[in-house]
PDB file of all heavy atoms in Angstrom:
ATOM      1  N   GLY A   1      -6.650 -12.210  -0.648  1.00  0.00           N
ATOM      2  CA  GLY A   1      -5.936 -11.701   0.520  1.00  0.00           C
ATOM      3  C   GLY A   1      -6.745 -10.870   1.492  1.00  0.00           C
ATOM      4  O   GLY A   1      -6.171 -10.216   2.367  1.00  0.00           O
ATOM      5  N   PHE A   2      -8.068 -10.890   1.371  1.00  0.00           N
ATOM      6  CA  PHE A   2      -8.910 -10.106   2.268  1.00  0.00           C
ATOM      7  C   PHE A   2      -9.780 -11.030   3.108  1.00  0.00           C
ATOM      8  O   PHE A   2     -10.603 -11.769   2.566  1.00  0.00           O
ATOM      9  CB  PHE A   2      -9.788  -9.129   1.475  1.00  0.00           C
ATOM     10  CG  PHE A   2      -8.986  -8.061   0.795  1.00  0.00           C
ATOM     11  CD1 PHE A   2      -8.566  -8.234  -0.515  1.00  0.00           C
ATOM     12  CD2 PHE A   2      -8.610  -6.914   1.475  1.00  0.00           C
ATOM     13  CE1 PHE A   2      -7.800  -7.273  -1.151  1.00  0.00           C
ATOM     14  CE2 PHE A   2      -7.846  -5.946   0.849  1.00  0.00           C
ATOM     15  CZ  PHE A   2      -7.439  -6.125  -0.464  1.00  0.00           C
ATOM     16  N   LEU A   3      -9.580 -10.997   4.406  1.00  0.00           N
ATOM     17  CA  LEU A   3     -10.326 -11.849   5.323  1.00  0.00           C
ATOM     18  C   LEU A   3     -11.512 -11.074   5.873  1.00  0.00           C
ATOM     19  O   LEU A   3     -11.359 -10.134   6.650  1.00  0.00           O
ATOM     20  CB  LEU A   3      -9.435 -12.326   6.475  1.00  0.00           C
ATOM     21  CG  LEU A   3     -10.107 -13.189   7.529  1.00  0.00           C
ATOM     22  CD1 LEU A   3     -10.687 -14.459   6.911  1.00  0.00           C
ATOM     23  CD2 LEU A   3      -9.123 -13.527   8.633  1.00  0.00           C
ATOM     24  N   LEU A   4     -12.706 -11.471   5.445  1.00  0.00           N
ATOM     25  CA  LEU A   4     -13.956 -10.873   5.915  1.00  0.00           C
ATOM     26  C   LEU A   4     -14.594 -11.802   6.947  1.00  0.00           C
ATOM     27  O   LEU A   4     -14.232 -12.973   7.027  1.00  0.00           O
ATOM     28  CB  LEU A   4     -14.917 -10.681   4.737  1.00  0.00           C
ATOM     29  CG  LEU A   4     -14.498  -9.652   3.702  1.00  0.00           C
ATOM     30  CD1 LEU A   4     -15.378  -9.750   2.466  1.00  0.00           C
ATOM     31  CD2 LEU A   4     -14.567  -8.263   4.299  1.00  0.00           C
ATOM     32  N   PRO A   5     -15.571 -11.325   7.684  1.00  0.00           N
ATOM     33  CA  PRO A   5     -16.313 -12.242   8.550  1.00  0.00           C
ATOM     34  C   PRO A   5     -16.945 -13.334   7.687  1.00  0.00           C
ATOM     35  O   PRO A   5     -17.408 -13.055   6.577  1.00  0.00           O
ATOM     36  CB  PRO A   5     -17.384 -11.366   9.182  1.00  0.00           C
ATOM     37  CG  PRO A   5     -16.852  -9.985   9.095  1.00  0.00           C
ATOM     38  CD  PRO A   5     -16.041  -9.949   7.820  1.00  0.00           C
ATOM     39  N   PRO A   6     -16.979 -14.573   8.157  1.00  0.00           N
ATOM     40  CA  PRO A   6     -17.493 -15.669   7.342  1.00  0.00           C
ATOM     41  C   PRO A   6     -19.006 -15.646   7.142  1.00  0.00           C
ATOM     42  O   PRO A   6     -19.519 -16.423   6.346  1.00  0.00           O
ATOM     43  CB  PRO A   6     -17.061 -16.921   8.106  1.00  0.00           C
ATOM     44  CG  PRO A   6     -16.876 -16.458   9.504  1.00  0.00           C
ATOM     45  CD  PRO A   6     -16.449 -15.031   9.426  1.00  0.00           C
ATOM     46  N   ALA A   7     -19.711 -14.767   7.818  1.00  0.00           N
ATOM     47  CA  ALA A   7     -21.165 -14.656   7.652  1.00  0.00           C
ATOM     48  C   ALA A   7     -21.523 -13.194   7.443  1.00  0.00           C
ATOM     49  O   ALA A   7     -20.937 -12.312   8.072  1.00  0.00           O
ATOM     50  CB  ALA A   7     -21.896 -15.208   8.871  1.00  0.00           C
ATOM     51  N   GLN A   8     -22.507 -12.955   6.598  1.00  0.00           N
ATOM     52  CA  GLN A   8     -22.889 -11.569   6.344  1.00  0.00           C
ATOM     53  C   GLN A   8     -23.666 -10.954   7.504  1.00  0.00           C
ATOM     54  O   GLN A   8     -24.032  -9.784   7.459  1.00  0.00           O
ATOM     55  CB  GLN A   8     -23.669 -11.454   5.041  1.00  0.00           C
ATOM     56  CG  GLN A   8     -24.977 -12.180   5.010  1.00  0.00           C
ATOM     57  CD  GLN A   8     -25.618 -12.165   3.632  1.00  0.00           C
ATOM     58  OE1 GLN A   8     -25.120 -11.586   2.681  1.00  0.00           O
ATOM     59  NE2 GLN A   8     -26.749 -12.816   3.535  1.00  0.00           N
ATOM     60  N   PHE A   9     -23.884 -11.711   8.569  1.00  0.00           N
ATOM     61  CA  PHE A   9     -24.569 -11.184   9.746  1.00  0.00           C
ATOM     62  C   PHE A   9     -23.577 -10.581  10.739  1.00  0.00           C
ATOM     63  O   PHE A   9     -23.949 -10.159  11.821  1.00  0.00           O
ATOM     64  CB  PHE A   9     -25.405 -12.283  10.413  1.00  0.00           C
ATOM     65  CG  PHE A   9     -26.418 -12.861   9.473  1.00  0.00           C
ATOM     66  CD1 PHE A   9     -26.278 -14.147   8.992  1.00  0.00           C
ATOM     67  CD2 PHE A   9     -27.498 -12.112   9.022  1.00  0.00           C
ATOM     68  CE1 PHE A   9     -27.193 -14.687   8.102  1.00  0.00           C
ATOM     69  CE2 PHE A   9     -28.415 -12.629   8.133  1.00  0.00           C
ATOM     70  CZ  PHE A   9     -28.266 -13.919   7.670  1.00  0.00           C
ATOM     71  N   GLU A  10     -22.319 -10.575  10.374  1.00  0.00           N
ATOM     72  CA  GLU A  10     -21.276  -9.951  11.178  1.00  0.00           C
ATOM     73  C   GLU A  10     -20.740  -8.758  10.395  1.00  0.00           C
ATOM     74  O   GLU A  10     -20.938  -8.661   9.193  1.00  0.00           O
ATOM     75  CB  GLU A  10     -20.144 -10.935  11.436  1.00  0.00           C
ATOM     76  CG  GLU A  10     -20.567 -12.190  12.167  1.00  0.00           C
ATOM     77  CD  GLU A  10     -19.431 -13.169  12.315  1.00  0.00           C
ATOM     78  OE1 GLU A  10     -18.368 -12.758  12.826  1.00  0.00           O
ATOM     79  OE2 GLU A  10     -19.597 -14.319  11.895  1.00  0.00           O
ATOM     80  N   ALA A  11     -20.040  -7.878  11.063  1.00  0.00           N
ATOM     81  CA  ALA A  11     -19.508  -6.693  10.400  1.00  0.00           C
ATOM     82  C   ALA A  11     -18.003  -6.803  10.216  1.00  0.00           C
ATOM     83  O   ALA A  11     -17.305  -7.401  11.022  1.00  0.00           O
ATOM     84  CB  ALA A  11     -19.826  -5.451  11.222  1.00  0.00           C
ATOM     85  N   ALA A  12     -17.542  -6.211   9.127  1.00  0.00           N
ATOM     86  CA  ALA A  12     -16.112  -6.003   8.912  1.00  0.00           C
ATOM     87  C   ALA A  12     -15.818  -4.565   9.340  1.00  0.00           C
ATOM     88  O   ALA A  12     -16.744  -3.750   9.458  1.00  0.00           O
ATOM     89  CB  ALA A  12     -15.763  -6.214   7.443  1.00  0.00           C
ATOM     90  N   PHE A  13     -14.563  -4.257   9.557  1.00  0.00           N
ATOM     91  CA  PHE A  13     -14.206  -2.921  10.036  1.00  0.00           C
ATOM     92  C   PHE A  13     -12.988  -2.395   9.315  1.00  0.00           C
ATOM     93  O   PHE A  13     -12.078  -3.154   8.998  1.00  0.00           O
ATOM     94  CB  PHE A  13     -13.851  -2.958  11.535  1.00  0.00           C
ATOM     95  CG  PHE A  13     -14.980  -3.379  12.422  1.00  0.00           C
ATOM     96  CD1 PHE A  13     -15.213  -4.718  12.674  1.00  0.00           C
ATOM     97  CD2 PHE A  13     -15.805  -2.433  12.996  1.00  0.00           C
ATOM     98  CE1 PHE A  13     -16.243  -5.115  13.497  1.00  0.00           C
ATOM     99  CE2 PHE A  13     -16.846  -2.820  13.814  1.00  0.00           C
ATOM    100  CZ  PHE A  13     -17.065  -4.168  14.072  1.00  0.00           C
ATOM    101  N   VAL A  14     -12.960  -1.092   9.097  1.00  0.00           N
ATOM    102  CA  VAL A  14     -11.706  -0.424   8.776  1.00  0.00           C
ATOM    103  C   VAL A  14     -11.181   0.100  10.107  1.00  0.00           C
ATOM    104  O   VAL A  14     -11.954   0.374  11.026  1.00  0.00           O
ATOM    105  CB  VAL A  14     -11.866   0.719   7.744  1.00  0.00           C
ATOM    106  CG1 VAL A  14     -12.211   0.156   6.374  1.00  0.00           C
ATOM    107  CG2 VAL A  14     -12.875   1.742   8.173  1.00  0.00           C
ATOM    108  N   SER A  15      -9.863   0.207  10.200  1.00  0.00           N
ATOM    109  CA  SER A  15      -9.254   0.642  11.456  1.00  0.00           C
ATOM    110  C   SER A  15      -8.243   1.745  11.185  1.00  0.00           C
ATOM    111  O   SER A  15      -7.978   2.097  10.032  1.00  0.00           O
ATOM    112  CB  SER A  15      -8.557  -0.541  12.130  1.00  0.00           C
ATOM    113  OG  SER A  15      -7.362  -0.858  11.442  1.00  0.00           O
ATOM    114  N   MET A  16      -7.651   2.243  12.250  1.00  0.00           N
ATOM    115  CA  MET A  16      -6.634   3.287  12.114  1.00  0.00           C
ATOM    116  C   MET A  16      -5.387   2.754  11.409  1.00  0.00           C
ATOM    117  O   MET A  16      -4.575   3.532  10.930  1.00  0.00           O
ATOM    118  CB  MET A  16      -6.267   3.846  13.493  1.00  0.00           C
ATOM    119  CG  MET A  16      -7.407   4.582  14.177  1.00  0.00           C
ATOM    120  SD  MET A  16      -7.991   6.002  13.220  1.00  0.00           S
ATOM    121  CE  MET A  16      -6.548   7.043  13.242  1.00  0.00           C
ATOM    122  N   ALA A  17      -5.243   1.449  11.327  1.00  0.00           N
ATOM    123  CA  ALA A  17      -4.097   0.864  10.626  1.00  0.00           C
ATOM    124  C   ALA A  17      -4.304   0.871   9.118  1.00  0.00           C
ATOM    125  O   ALA A  17      -3.343   0.734   8.363  1.00  0.00           O
ATOM    126  CB  ALA A  17      -3.858  -0.567  11.114  1.00  0.00           C
ATOM    127  N   HIS A  18      -5.542   1.029   8.658  1.00  0.00           N
ATOM    128  CA  HIS A  18      -5.839   1.017   7.232  1.00  0.00           C
ATOM    129  C   HIS A  18      -5.591   2.379   6.600  1.00  0.00           C
ATOM    130  O   HIS A  18      -5.716   3.419   7.246  1.00  0.00           O
ATOM    131  CB  HIS A  18      -7.295   0.592   6.988  1.00  0.00           C
ATOM    132  CG  HIS A  18      -7.556  -0.830   7.334  1.00  0.00           C
ATOM    133  ND1 HIS A  18      -8.331  -1.211   8.398  1.00  0.00           N
ATOM    134  CD2 HIS A  18      -7.118  -1.971   6.761  1.00  0.00           C
ATOM    135  CE1 HIS A  18      -8.370  -2.528   8.458  1.00  0.00           C
ATOM    136  NE2 HIS A  18      -7.636  -3.013   7.485  1.00  0.00           N
ATOM    137  N   THR A  19      -5.287   2.337   5.320  1.00  0.00           N
ATOM    138  CA  THR A  19      -5.052   3.557   4.553  1.00  0.00           C
ATOM    139  C   THR A  19      -6.034   3.610   3.385  1.00  0.00           C
ATOM    140  O   THR A  19      -6.722   2.626   3.093  1.00  0.00           O
ATOM    141  CB  THR A  19      -3.613   3.575   3.989  1.00  0.00           C
ATOM    142  OG1 THR A  19      -3.497   2.495   3.035  1.00  0.00           O
ATOM    143  CG2 THR A  19      -2.577   3.427   5.093  1.00  0.00           C
ATOM    144  N   LEU A  20      -6.038   4.730   2.701  1.00  0.00           N
ATOM    145  CA  LEU A  20      -6.854   4.865   1.497  1.00  0.00           C
ATOM    146  C   LEU A  20      -6.418   3.846   0.445  1.00  0.00           C
ATOM    147  O   LEU A  20      -7.258   3.294  -0.272  1.00  0.00           O
ATOM    148  CB  LEU A  20      -6.760   6.294   0.959  1.00  0.00           C
ATOM    149  CG  LEU A  20      -7.756   6.712  -0.102  1.00  0.00           C
ATOM    150  CD1 LEU A  20      -9.193   6.418   0.331  1.00  0.00           C
ATOM    151  CD2 LEU A  20      -7.588   8.177  -0.425  1.00  0.00           C
ATOM    152  N   ASP A  21      -5.128   3.561   0.369  1.00  0.00           N
ATOM    153  CA  ASP A  21      -4.640   2.540  -0.565  1.00  0.00           C
ATOM    154  C   ASP A  21      -5.203   1.164  -0.213  1.00  0.00           C
ATOM    155  O   ASP A  21      -5.524   0.372  -1.106  1.00  0.00           O
ATOM    156  CB  ASP A  21      -3.112   2.490  -0.582  1.00  0.00           C
ATOM    157  CG  ASP A  21      -2.501   3.690  -1.309  1.00  0.00           C
ATOM    158  OD1 ASP A  21      -3.213   4.342  -2.100  1.00  0.00           O
ATOM    159  OD2 ASP A  21      -1.307   3.956  -1.069  1.00  0.00           O
ATOM    160  N   ASP A  22      -5.324   0.865   1.079  1.00  0.00           N
ATOM    161  CA  ASP A  22      -5.921  -0.409   1.498  1.00  0.00           C
ATOM    162  C   ASP A  22      -7.376  -0.494   1.052  1.00  0.00           C
ATOM    163  O   ASP A  22      -7.825  -1.540   0.573  1.00  0.00           O
ATOM    164  CB  ASP A  22      -5.857  -0.573   3.022  1.00  0.00           C
ATOM    165  CG  ASP A  22      -4.443  -0.674   3.549  1.00  0.00           C
ATOM    166  OD1 ASP A  22      -3.584  -1.275   2.870  1.00  0.00           O
ATOM    167  OD2 ASP A  22      -4.201  -0.140   4.656  1.00  0.00           O
ATOM    168  N   VAL A  23      -8.108   0.598   1.215  1.00  0.00           N
ATOM    169  CA  VAL A  23      -9.516   0.629   0.794  1.00  0.00           C
ATOM    170  C   VAL A  23      -9.606   0.431  -0.711  1.00  0.00           C
ATOM    171  O   VAL A  23     -10.438  -0.338  -1.191  1.00  0.00           O
ATOM    172  CB  VAL A  23     -10.192   1.951   1.238  1.00  0.00           C
ATOM    173  CG1 VAL A  23     -11.550   2.125   0.574  1.00  0.00           C
ATOM    174  CG2 VAL A  23     -10.324   1.987   2.760  1.00  0.00           C
ATOM    175  N   ARG A  24      -8.742   1.099  -1.452  1.00  0.00           N
ATOM    176  CA  ARG A  24      -8.749   0.944  -2.921  1.00  0.00           C
ATOM    177  C   ARG A  24      -8.449  -0.496  -3.326  1.00  0.00           C
ATOM    178  O   ARG A  24      -9.081  -1.038  -4.238  1.00  0.00           O
ATOM    179  CB  ARG A  24      -7.743   1.893  -3.554  1.00  0.00           C
ATOM    180  CG  ARG A  24      -8.177   3.338  -3.512  1.00  0.00           C
ATOM    181  CD  ARG A  24      -7.155   4.238  -4.175  1.00  0.00           C
ATOM    182  NE  ARG A  24      -7.536   5.622  -4.065  1.00  0.00           N
ATOM    183  CZ  ARG A  24      -6.725   6.591  -3.627  1.00  0.00           C
ATOM    184  NH1 ARG A  24      -5.470   6.310  -3.306  1.00  0.00           N
ATOM    185  NH2 ARG A  24      -7.151   7.825  -3.545  1.00  0.00           N
TER     186      ARG A  24
END
């Protein structure tokens, strides 16, 4: 259920919508 960039040459981001529970 986690959509990351399809290449490791791109960055993923945490946003203001994310919580500590999301990170965990």
